[in-house]
Amino acid sequence: MTTPTRWRTTGSREVYGNRWITVSHDDVLGPDGEPGVYGVVTVRAPAVFVVAVDDEDQVVLVHVDRYTTGAGWEVPAGGCDPGEDPVTAGRRELLEEAGLTATRWQVAAGVESLNGVCRAPGTVVLAQGLAVVHAQGTDAAAEGITAVRRVEWSELGAMIAAGEIRDGETLAALTAAAVALGRWG
């Protein structure tokens, strides 16, 4: 068996762009050396995913109605502003989406979303020491958020099995937070 080489880009052109993403058409040489094409979505701003855990060890979820996939439970999340660190972005997103602040913050992991077709880096942050500032997030309506809920870790598996949590980024964020909290490994 021959050792595959790395992907090589031989040409690239942007075919679409807006303030959130660009889409490029790339001519490539694959790991097997064969030429091909690749459509790549590049997200303009890194994402942040907030796993907020209260003093009763419950996880905060928001019910979001997404244009692309419909409604489901997710962790609060959003994009980083230019030059903004993930913890600062996480603070903003937790307030905007869940109406909460936190006193303790920790970067749990870096993630790559949809890595087969996207360049979409993100950071999972763990927020603890929660306090309610608003009954609902300050930007919840604009985000399509209809509810905020606190869930026991033991309930998450049932929610996933029932299809209530389908968002891959939320699943990755919960996994990274579980590792950071010493629940796995």
N, C-alpha and C. Protein backbone atom coordinates (compact mmCIF):
# COMPACT_ATOMS: atom_id res chain seq x y z
N MET A 1 0.84 -1.18 0.00
CA MET A 1 0.00 0.00 0.00
C MET A 1 0.89 1.24 0.00
N THR A 2 0.55 2.20 -0.86
CA THR A 2 1.34 3.43 -0.93
C THR A 2 0.85 4.41 0.13
N THR A 3 1.76 5.24 0.57
CA THR A 3 1.42 6.26 1.56
C THR A 3 0.76 7.43 0.84
N PRO A 4 -0.45 7.80 1.26
CA PRO A 4 -1.09 8.94 0.59
C PRO A 4 -0.36 10.24 0.91
N THR A 5 -0.46 11.17 -0.02
CA THR A 5 0.13 12.50 0.19
C THR A 5 -0.95 13.42 0.73
N ARG A 6 -0.58 14.63 1.04
CA ARG A 6 -1.54 15.61 1.53
C ARG A 6 -2.30 16.22 0.35
N TRP A 7 -3.46 16.76 0.63
CA TRP A 7 -4.23 17.51 -0.37
C TRP A 7 -3.41 18.70 -0.83
N ARG A 8 -3.52 19.03 -2.13
CA ARG A 8 -2.86 20.22 -2.67
C ARG A 8 -3.89 21.02 -3.45
N THR A 9 -3.90 22.32 -3.23
CA THR A 9 -4.77 23.23 -3.98
C THR A 9 -3.99 23.74 -5.18
N THR A 10 -4.54 23.55 -6.38
CA THR A 10 -3.87 24.03 -7.59
C THR A 10 -4.52 25.28 -8.13
N GLY A 11 -5.69 25.61 -7.65
CA GLY A 11 -6.39 26.83 -8.05
C GLY A 11 -7.61 27.04 -7.17
N SER A 12 -8.00 28.29 -6.98
CA SER A 12 -9.15 28.59 -6.14
C SER A 12 -9.78 29.89 -6.59
N ARG A 13 -11.12 29.92 -6.58
CA ARG A 13 -11.81 31.18 -6.86
C ARG A 13 -13.06 31.26 -5.99
N GLU A 14 -13.31 32.45 -5.48
CA GLU A 14 -14.51 32.68 -4.67
C GLU A 14 -15.71 32.76 -5.61
N VAL A 15 -16.74 31.98 -5.30
CA VAL A 15 -17.94 31.98 -6.14
C VAL A 15 -19.14 32.63 -5.44
N TYR A 16 -19.00 32.87 -4.13
CA TYR A 16 -20.07 33.54 -3.39
C TYR A 16 -19.51 34.06 -2.08
N GLY A 17 -20.08 35.12 -1.59
CA GLY A 17 -19.69 35.63 -0.29
C GLY A 17 -20.74 36.55 0.28
N ASN A 18 -20.86 36.56 1.59
CA ASN A 18 -21.69 37.53 2.30
C ASN A 18 -20.96 37.90 3.58
N ARG A 19 -21.62 38.58 4.51
CA ARG A 19 -20.87 39.03 5.70
C ARG A 19 -20.51 37.89 6.65
N TRP A 20 -21.08 36.69 6.46
CA TRP A 20 -20.82 35.57 7.36
C TRP A 20 -19.92 34.49 6.76
N ILE A 21 -20.03 34.26 5.44
CA ILE A 21 -19.29 33.15 4.82
C ILE A 21 -18.76 33.53 3.44
N THR A 22 -17.80 32.73 2.97
CA THR A 22 -17.43 32.72 1.56
C THR A 22 -17.52 31.28 1.07
N VAL A 23 -17.78 31.12 -0.20
CA VAL A 23 -17.78 29.80 -0.82
C VAL A 23 -16.78 29.85 -1.97
N SER A 24 -15.84 28.89 -1.97
CA SER A 24 -14.85 28.86 -3.04
C SER A 24 -14.95 27.55 -3.81
N HIS A 25 -14.55 27.62 -5.06
CA HIS A 25 -14.42 26.45 -5.92
C HIS A 25 -12.93 26.21 -6.05
N ASP A 26 -12.46 25.09 -5.49
CA ASP A 26 -11.02 24.80 -5.47
C ASP A 26 -10.70 23.64 -6.40
N ASP A 27 -9.67 23.82 -7.20
CA ASP A 27 -9.10 22.71 -7.96
C ASP A 27 -8.03 22.10 -7.08
N VAL A 28 -8.06 20.76 -6.96
CA VAL A 28 -7.19 20.09 -6.00
C VAL A 28 -6.53 18.86 -6.62
N LEU A 29 -5.48 18.43 -5.95
CA LEU A 29 -4.91 17.10 -6.15
C LEU A 29 -5.17 16.37 -4.84
N GLY A 30 -5.88 15.26 -4.91
CA GLY A 30 -6.24 14.51 -3.72
C GLY A 30 -5.06 13.74 -3.15
N PRO A 31 -5.25 13.10 -2.00
CA PRO A 31 -4.18 12.31 -1.38
C PRO A 31 -3.64 11.22 -2.29
N ASP A 32 -4.47 10.76 -3.24
CA ASP A 32 -4.02 9.74 -4.19
C ASP A 32 -3.34 10.33 -5.42
N GLY A 33 -3.21 11.68 -5.45
CA GLY A 33 -2.56 12.34 -6.58
C GLY A 33 -3.50 12.67 -7.73
N GLU A 34 -4.75 12.24 -7.64
CA GLU A 34 -5.72 12.49 -8.71
C GLU A 34 -6.30 13.90 -8.61
N PRO A 35 -6.50 14.56 -9.77
CA PRO A 35 -7.11 15.90 -9.74
C PRO A 35 -8.60 15.81 -9.40
N GLY A 36 -9.11 16.88 -8.83
CA GLY A 36 -10.52 16.95 -8.50
C GLY A 36 -10.93 18.38 -8.19
N VAL A 37 -12.18 18.53 -7.78
CA VAL A 37 -12.69 19.84 -7.37
C VAL A 37 -13.28 19.72 -5.97
N TYR A 38 -13.27 20.84 -5.27
CA TYR A 38 -13.81 20.88 -3.92
C TYR A 38 -14.54 22.20 -3.75
N GLY A 39 -15.76 22.15 -3.22
CA GLY A 39 -16.47 23.35 -2.82
C GLY A 39 -16.24 23.55 -1.33
N VAL A 40 -15.74 24.73 -0.95
CA VAL A 40 -15.37 24.97 0.44
C VAL A 40 -16.11 26.20 0.97
N VAL A 41 -16.78 26.04 2.11
CA VAL A 41 -17.40 27.15 2.81
C VAL A 41 -16.42 27.59 3.90
N THR A 42 -16.10 28.87 3.93
CA THR A 42 -15.24 29.42 4.98
C THR A 42 -16.07 30.40 5.80
N VAL A 43 -16.15 30.13 7.09
CA VAL A 43 -16.87 31.01 7.99
C VAL A 43 -15.94 32.17 8.34
N ARG A 44 -16.44 33.38 8.24
CA ARG A 44 -15.59 34.56 8.42
C ARG A 44 -15.15 34.78 9.87
N ALA A 45 -15.97 34.37 10.84
CA ALA A 45 -15.63 34.60 12.26
C ALA A 45 -15.63 33.26 13.00
N PRO A 46 -14.63 33.02 13.83
CA PRO A 46 -14.63 31.81 14.64
C PRO A 46 -15.86 31.78 15.55
N ALA A 47 -16.33 30.59 15.86
CA ALA A 47 -17.51 30.42 16.72
C ALA A 47 -17.10 30.15 18.16
N VAL A 48 -18.04 30.40 19.06
CA VAL A 48 -17.86 30.04 20.46
C VAL A 48 -19.11 29.29 20.90
N PHE A 49 -18.92 28.20 21.63
CA PHE A 49 -20.00 27.36 22.15
C PHE A 49 -19.88 27.36 23.67
N VAL A 50 -20.94 27.80 24.36
CA VAL A 50 -20.90 27.97 25.80
C VAL A 50 -21.64 26.82 26.49
N VAL A 51 -20.91 26.03 27.26
CA VAL A 51 -21.54 25.03 28.12
C VAL A 51 -21.59 25.65 29.51
N ALA A 52 -22.77 26.12 29.87
CA ALA A 52 -22.99 26.78 31.16
C ALA A 52 -23.53 25.76 32.14
N VAL A 53 -22.86 25.62 33.28
CA VAL A 53 -23.23 24.63 34.29
C VAL A 53 -23.50 25.37 35.59
N ASP A 54 -24.72 25.18 36.14
CA ASP A 54 -25.07 25.90 37.37
C ASP A 54 -24.56 25.19 38.62
N ASP A 55 -24.84 25.76 39.78
CA ASP A 55 -24.34 25.22 41.04
C ASP A 55 -24.97 23.87 41.40
N GLU A 56 -26.09 23.52 40.75
CA GLU A 56 -26.72 22.21 40.95
C GLU A 56 -26.24 21.20 39.90
N ASP A 57 -25.19 21.60 39.14
CA ASP A 57 -24.58 20.75 38.11
C ASP A 57 -25.54 20.48 36.94
N GLN A 58 -26.38 21.45 36.64
CA GLN A 58 -27.28 21.36 35.49
C GLN A 58 -26.70 22.17 34.33
N VAL A 59 -26.96 21.70 33.12
CA VAL A 59 -26.47 22.35 31.91
C VAL A 59 -27.58 23.24 31.34
N VAL A 60 -27.22 24.44 30.91
CA VAL A 60 -28.16 25.38 30.31
C VAL A 60 -28.27 25.11 28.81
N LEU A 61 -29.49 24.92 28.35
CA LEU A 61 -29.76 24.76 26.92
C LEU A 61 -30.76 25.82 26.48
N VAL A 62 -30.68 26.20 25.21
CA VAL A 62 -31.65 27.12 24.63
C VAL A 62 -32.38 26.40 23.50
N HIS A 63 -33.67 26.67 23.37
CA HIS A 63 -34.47 26.08 22.29
C HIS A 63 -34.46 27.07 21.14
N VAL A 64 -33.83 26.66 20.03
CA VAL A 64 -33.60 27.55 18.90
C VAL A 64 -34.32 27.02 17.66
N ASP A 65 -34.98 27.91 16.93
CA ASP A 65 -35.59 27.56 15.65
C ASP A 65 -34.64 28.04 14.56
N ARG A 66 -33.92 27.11 13.95
CA ARG A 66 -32.95 27.42 12.90
C ARG A 66 -33.61 27.40 11.52
N TYR A 67 -33.27 28.35 10.69
CA TYR A 67 -33.79 28.40 9.33
C TYR A 67 -33.46 27.11 8.58
N THR A 68 -32.25 26.61 8.76
CA THR A 68 -31.78 25.46 7.97
C THR A 68 -32.26 24.11 8.49
N THR A 69 -32.42 23.96 9.80
CA THR A 69 -32.68 22.63 10.36
C THR A 69 -33.91 22.55 11.25
N GLY A 70 -34.57 23.67 11.51
CA GLY A 70 -35.74 23.66 12.38
C GLY A 70 -35.36 23.82 13.84
N ALA A 71 -36.30 23.48 14.70
CA ALA A 71 -36.14 23.73 16.14
C ALA A 71 -35.45 22.58 16.86
N GLY A 72 -34.70 22.92 17.90
CA GLY A 72 -34.05 21.94 18.75
C GLY A 72 -33.32 22.62 19.89
N TRP A 73 -32.86 21.82 20.82
CA TRP A 73 -32.11 22.32 21.98
C TRP A 73 -30.63 22.37 21.65
N GLU A 74 -29.98 23.47 22.05
CA GLU A 74 -28.56 23.70 21.80
C GLU A 74 -27.94 24.40 23.00
N VAL A 75 -26.62 24.40 23.04
CA VAL A 75 -25.93 25.27 23.99
C VAL A 75 -25.92 26.68 23.40
N PRO A 76 -25.86 27.73 24.23
CA PRO A 76 -25.70 29.08 23.68
C PRO A 76 -24.43 29.14 22.85
N ALA A 77 -24.50 29.86 21.73
CA ALA A 77 -23.36 29.91 20.82
C ALA A 77 -23.46 31.13 19.92
N GLY A 78 -22.35 31.46 19.30
CA GLY A 78 -22.35 32.57 18.36
C GLY A 78 -20.96 32.78 17.81
N GLY A 79 -20.78 33.89 17.11
CA GLY A 79 -19.50 34.20 16.51
C GLY A 79 -18.70 35.17 17.34
N CYS A 80 -17.39 35.09 17.18
CA CYS A 80 -16.49 36.06 17.81
C CYS A 80 -16.40 37.29 16.92
N ASP A 81 -16.44 38.47 17.52
CA ASP A 81 -16.20 39.70 16.77
C ASP A 81 -14.72 39.74 16.40
N PRO A 82 -14.34 40.53 15.39
CA PRO A 82 -12.92 40.59 14.98
C PRO A 82 -12.01 40.92 16.17
N GLY A 83 -11.00 40.08 16.37
CA GLY A 83 -10.03 40.26 17.45
C GLY A 83 -10.52 39.88 18.83
N GLU A 84 -11.75 39.40 18.94
CA GLU A 84 -12.32 39.07 20.24
C GLU A 84 -11.92 37.67 20.69
N ASP A 85 -11.55 37.54 21.97
CA ASP A 85 -11.19 36.22 22.46
C ASP A 85 -12.46 35.42 22.76
N PRO A 86 -12.38 34.08 22.75
CA PRO A 86 -13.58 33.25 22.91
C PRO A 86 -14.31 33.44 24.24
N VAL A 87 -13.60 33.71 25.32
CA VAL A 87 -14.28 33.89 26.61
C VAL A 87 -15.12 35.16 26.58
N THR A 88 -14.59 36.23 26.03
CA THR A 88 -15.36 37.48 25.92
C THR A 88 -16.59 37.26 25.04
N ALA A 89 -16.42 36.58 23.94
CA ALA A 89 -17.56 36.27 23.07
C ALA A 89 -18.56 35.38 23.80
N GLY A 90 -18.06 34.41 24.56
CA GLY A 90 -18.93 33.53 25.32
C GLY A 90 -19.76 34.28 26.35
N ARG A 91 -19.15 35.25 27.01
CA ARG A 91 -19.89 36.09 27.98
C ARG A 91 -21.07 36.79 27.29
N ARG A 92 -20.79 37.38 26.13
CA ARG A 92 -21.83 38.08 25.38
C ARG A 92 -22.94 37.12 24.95
N GLU A 93 -22.56 35.97 24.41
CA GLU A 93 -23.57 35.02 23.90
C GLU A 93 -24.42 34.46 25.03
N LEU A 94 -23.84 34.17 26.18
CA LEU A 94 -24.60 33.64 27.30
C LEU A 94 -25.64 34.66 27.77
N LEU A 95 -25.28 35.93 27.80
CA LEU A 95 -26.22 36.98 28.20
C LEU A 95 -27.30 37.17 27.13
N GLU A 96 -26.88 37.26 25.86
CA GLU A 96 -27.83 37.49 24.77
C GLU A 96 -28.83 36.35 24.60
N GLU A 97 -28.36 35.12 24.74
CA GLU A 97 -29.22 33.98 24.44
C GLU A 97 -29.93 33.40 25.65
N ALA A 98 -29.31 33.47 26.84
CA ALA A 98 -29.91 32.83 28.01
C ALA A 98 -30.18 33.80 29.16
N GLY A 99 -29.75 35.06 29.04
CA GLY A 99 -29.97 36.03 30.11
C GLY A 99 -29.12 35.78 31.34
N LEU A 100 -27.98 35.12 31.17
CA LEU A 100 -27.14 34.71 32.30
C LEU A 100 -25.74 35.33 32.23
N THR A 101 -25.13 35.45 33.39
CA THR A 101 -23.71 35.76 33.49
C THR A 101 -23.05 34.62 34.27
N ALA A 102 -21.73 34.58 34.24
CA ALA A 102 -20.98 33.56 34.97
C ALA A 102 -19.73 34.19 35.58
N THR A 103 -19.30 33.65 36.72
CA THR A 103 -18.11 34.17 37.38
C THR A 103 -16.85 33.39 37.04
N ARG A 104 -17.00 32.15 36.58
CA ARG A 104 -15.84 31.31 36.25
C ARG A 104 -15.93 30.84 34.80
N TRP A 105 -14.84 31.03 34.08
CA TRP A 105 -14.79 30.66 32.66
C TRP A 105 -13.53 29.84 32.40
N GLN A 106 -13.67 28.87 31.52
CA GLN A 106 -12.53 28.01 31.16
C GLN A 106 -12.68 27.59 29.71
N VAL A 107 -11.60 27.69 28.95
CA VAL A 107 -11.60 27.15 27.58
C VAL A 107 -11.51 25.63 27.70
N ALA A 108 -12.47 24.93 27.11
CA ALA A 108 -12.51 23.47 27.21
C ALA A 108 -11.84 22.80 26.02
N ALA A 109 -12.03 23.33 24.81
CA ALA A 109 -11.47 22.68 23.62
C ALA A 109 -11.66 23.54 22.38
N GLY A 110 -10.84 23.30 21.40
CA GLY A 110 -11.05 23.83 20.06
C GLY A 110 -11.78 22.79 19.23
N VAL A 111 -12.63 23.24 18.32
CA VAL A 111 -13.39 22.33 17.46
C VAL A 111 -13.38 22.85 16.02
N GLU A 112 -13.60 21.95 15.10
CA GLU A 112 -13.77 22.28 13.68
C GLU A 112 -15.13 21.75 13.25
N SER A 113 -16.02 22.64 12.85
CA SER A 113 -17.36 22.24 12.45
C SER A 113 -17.41 21.87 10.97
N LEU A 114 -18.13 20.82 10.65
CA LEU A 114 -18.33 20.38 9.26
C LEU A 114 -17.02 20.35 8.47
N ASN A 115 -16.00 19.71 9.05
CA ASN A 115 -14.65 19.78 8.49
C ASN A 115 -14.50 19.12 7.13
N GLY A 116 -15.51 18.42 6.64
CA GLY A 116 -15.43 17.84 5.30
C GLY A 116 -15.71 18.85 4.20
N VAL A 117 -16.39 19.96 4.54
CA VAL A 117 -16.75 20.96 3.53
C VAL A 117 -16.53 22.39 4.00
N CYS A 118 -16.15 22.57 5.26
CA CYS A 118 -16.04 23.93 5.82
C CYS A 118 -14.71 24.18 6.50
N ARG A 119 -14.34 25.45 6.51
CA ARG A 119 -13.31 25.96 7.42
C ARG A 119 -14.08 26.77 8.44
N ALA A 120 -14.40 26.14 9.57
CA ALA A 120 -15.26 26.76 10.58
C ALA A 120 -14.71 26.46 11.98
N PRO A 121 -13.64 27.16 12.37
CA PRO A 121 -13.07 26.90 13.69
C PRO A 121 -13.96 27.44 14.80
N GLY A 122 -13.88 26.81 15.94
CA GLY A 122 -14.65 27.26 17.08
C GLY A 122 -13.96 26.88 18.37
N THR A 123 -14.46 27.45 19.46
CA THR A 123 -13.93 27.16 20.79
C THR A 123 -15.08 26.85 21.72
N VAL A 124 -14.94 25.79 22.49
CA VAL A 124 -15.91 25.44 23.53
C VAL A 124 -15.42 26.06 24.83
N VAL A 125 -16.30 26.84 25.47
CA VAL A 125 -15.95 27.42 26.77
C VAL A 125 -16.93 26.91 27.82
N LEU A 126 -16.41 26.68 28.99
CA LEU A 126 -17.19 26.22 30.13
C LEU A 126 -17.44 27.43 31.03
N ALA A 127 -18.72 27.66 31.38
CA ALA A 127 -19.10 28.78 32.25
C ALA A 127 -19.73 28.22 33.52
N GLN A 128 -19.26 28.69 34.66
CA GLN A 128 -19.80 28.25 35.95
C GLN A 128 -19.99 29.46 36.86
N GLY A 129 -20.70 29.26 37.97
CA GLY A 129 -21.02 30.38 38.85
C GLY A 129 -22.05 31.28 38.19
N LEU A 130 -23.17 30.68 37.76
CA LEU A 130 -24.17 31.39 36.97
C LEU A 130 -25.05 32.30 37.82
N ALA A 131 -25.47 33.41 37.21
CA ALA A 131 -26.45 34.31 37.82
C ALA A 131 -27.42 34.78 36.74
N VAL A 132 -28.69 34.86 37.10
CA VAL A 132 -29.72 35.33 36.18
C VAL A 132 -29.71 36.85 36.16
N VAL A 133 -29.60 37.43 34.96
CA VAL A 133 -29.66 38.88 34.77
C VAL A 133 -31.01 39.26 34.18
N HIS A 134 -31.47 38.47 33.22
CA HIS A 134 -32.76 38.67 32.55
C HIS A 134 -33.47 37.33 32.51
N ALA A 135 -34.81 37.35 32.58
CA ALA A 135 -35.57 36.10 32.53
C ALA A 135 -35.35 35.39 31.20
N GLN A 136 -35.10 36.16 30.15
CA GLN A 136 -34.81 35.59 28.84
C GLN A 136 -33.59 36.33 28.30
N GLY A 137 -32.92 35.78 27.33
CA GLY A 137 -31.75 36.43 26.77
C GLY A 137 -32.09 37.79 26.19
N THR A 138 -31.11 38.70 26.20
CA THR A 138 -31.34 40.05 25.72
C THR A 138 -31.55 40.11 24.21
N ASP A 139 -31.16 39.08 23.49
CA ASP A 139 -31.31 39.03 22.03
C ASP A 139 -32.03 37.75 21.60
N ALA A 140 -32.77 37.12 22.52
CA ALA A 140 -33.38 35.82 22.26
C ALA A 140 -34.35 35.84 21.08
N ALA A 141 -35.22 36.83 21.01
CA ALA A 141 -36.22 36.87 19.95
C ALA A 141 -35.56 36.95 18.57
N ALA A 142 -34.55 37.80 18.44
CA ALA A 142 -33.87 37.94 17.15
C ALA A 142 -33.14 36.66 16.76
N GLU A 143 -32.72 35.88 17.75
CA GLU A 143 -31.98 34.64 17.50
C GLU A 143 -32.91 33.44 17.25
N GLY A 144 -34.22 33.63 17.44
CA GLY A 144 -35.15 32.51 17.28
C GLY A 144 -35.19 31.60 18.51
N ILE A 145 -34.78 32.13 19.65
CA ILE A 145 -34.77 31.35 20.89
C ILE A 145 -36.11 31.52 21.59
N THR A 146 -36.76 30.39 21.86
CA THR A 146 -38.09 30.43 22.46
C THR A 146 -38.10 29.98 23.92
N ALA A 147 -37.04 29.36 24.40
CA ALA A 147 -37.01 28.88 25.78
C ALA A 147 -35.58 28.65 26.23
N VAL A 148 -35.37 28.77 27.54
CA VAL A 148 -34.10 28.44 28.18
C VAL A 148 -34.42 27.38 29.22
N ARG A 149 -33.60 26.35 29.27
CA ARG A 149 -33.88 25.22 30.17
C ARG A 149 -32.58 24.75 30.82
N ARG A 150 -32.70 24.29 32.06
CA ARG A 150 -31.56 23.67 32.73
C ARG A 150 -31.83 22.18 32.82
N VAL A 151 -30.81 21.39 32.47
CA VAL A 151 -30.96 19.95 32.32
C VAL A 151 -29.88 19.22 33.11
N GLU A 152 -30.27 18.18 33.81
CA GLU A 152 -29.29 17.32 34.50
C GLU A 152 -28.43 16.62 33.44
N TRP A 153 -27.16 16.41 33.75
CA TRP A 153 -26.29 15.67 32.84
C TRP A 153 -26.90 14.32 32.48
N SER A 154 -27.54 13.69 33.44
CA SER A 154 -28.12 12.36 33.21
C SER A 154 -29.29 12.40 32.23
N GLU A 155 -29.90 13.56 32.01
CA GLU A 155 -31.01 13.68 31.06
C GLU A 155 -30.55 13.88 29.62
N LEU A 156 -29.32 14.31 29.45
CA LEU A 156 -28.84 14.65 28.11
C LEU A 156 -28.89 13.47 27.15
N GLY A 157 -28.51 12.28 27.63
CA GLY A 157 -28.54 11.10 26.76
C GLY A 157 -29.93 10.81 26.24
N ALA A 158 -30.94 10.91 27.10
CA ALA A 158 -32.32 10.68 26.69
C ALA A 158 -32.77 11.73 25.67
N MET A 159 -32.34 12.98 25.87
CA MET A 159 -32.70 14.04 24.92
C MET A 159 -32.06 13.80 23.56
N ILE A 160 -30.82 13.31 23.57
CA ILE A 160 -30.13 12.99 22.32
C ILE A 160 -30.84 11.82 21.64
N ALA A 161 -31.15 10.78 22.39
CA ALA A 161 -31.82 9.60 21.82
C ALA A 161 -33.19 9.95 21.26
N ALA A 162 -33.87 10.90 21.89
CA ALA A 162 -35.21 11.30 21.44
C ALA A 162 -35.16 12.30 20.28
N GLY A 163 -33.96 12.71 19.87
CA GLY A 163 -33.84 13.66 18.77
C GLY A 163 -34.07 15.11 19.18
N GLU A 164 -34.09 15.38 20.47
CA GLU A 164 -34.29 16.76 20.94
C GLU A 164 -33.01 17.58 20.82
N ILE A 165 -31.86 16.93 20.93
CA ILE A 165 -30.56 17.57 20.70
C ILE A 165 -29.96 16.88 19.48
N ARG A 166 -29.90 17.62 18.35
CA ARG A 166 -29.37 17.07 17.10
C ARG A 166 -28.18 17.86 16.57
N ASP A 167 -27.98 19.03 17.11
CA ASP A 167 -26.94 19.93 16.64
C ASP A 167 -25.56 19.34 16.93
N GLY A 168 -24.79 19.09 15.88
CA GLY A 168 -23.47 18.48 16.05
C GLY A 168 -22.52 19.31 16.88
N GLU A 169 -22.61 20.64 16.76
CA GLU A 169 -21.73 21.50 17.55
C GLU A 169 -22.08 21.42 19.03
N THR A 170 -23.36 21.31 19.34
CA THR A 170 -23.77 21.14 20.74
C THR A 170 -23.28 19.81 21.28
N LEU A 171 -23.40 18.75 20.48
CA LEU A 171 -22.92 17.44 20.92
C LEU A 171 -21.41 17.48 21.18
N ALA A 172 -20.67 18.14 20.30
CA ALA A 172 -19.22 18.25 20.50
C ALA A 172 -18.91 19.11 21.73
N ALA A 173 -19.65 20.19 21.93
CA ALA A 173 -19.42 21.07 23.07
C ALA A 173 -19.69 20.34 24.39
N LEU A 174 -20.78 19.58 24.44
CA LEU A 174 -21.10 18.82 25.66
C LEU A 174 -20.01 17.78 25.95
N THR A 175 -19.51 17.15 24.91
CA THR A 175 -18.43 16.18 25.07
C THR A 175 -17.17 16.84 25.62
N ALA A 176 -16.79 17.98 25.01
CA ALA A 176 -15.59 18.69 25.46
C ALA A 176 -15.74 19.16 26.90
N ALA A 177 -16.92 19.63 27.27
CA ALA A 177 -17.15 20.08 28.66
C ALA A 177 -17.09 18.91 29.62
N ALA A 178 -17.64 17.76 29.22
CA ALA A 178 -17.58 16.58 30.09
C ALA A 178 -16.14 16.18 30.35
N VAL A 179 -15.30 16.25 29.32
CA VAL A 179 -13.88 15.94 29.49
C VAL A 179 -13.22 16.97 30.42
N ALA A 180 -13.49 18.26 30.20
CA ALA A 180 -12.90 19.31 31.02
C ALA A 180 -13.32 19.21 32.48
N LEU A 181 -14.52 18.70 32.72
CA LEU A 181 -15.01 18.54 34.10
C LEU A 181 -14.59 17.20 34.73
N GLY A 182 -13.83 16.40 33.97
CA GLY A 182 -13.35 15.14 34.50
C GLY A 182 -14.37 14.02 34.49
N ARG A 183 -15.43 14.17 33.72
CA ARG A 183 -16.46 13.13 33.64
C ARG A 183 -16.02 11.96 32.73
N TRP A 184 -15.14 12.28 31.78
CA TRP A 184 -14.59 11.24 30.90
C TRP A 184 -13.08 11.36 30.97
N GLY A 185 -12.43 10.21 30.92
CA GLY A 185 -10.99 10.17 30.82
C GLY A 185 -10.31 10.79 31.94
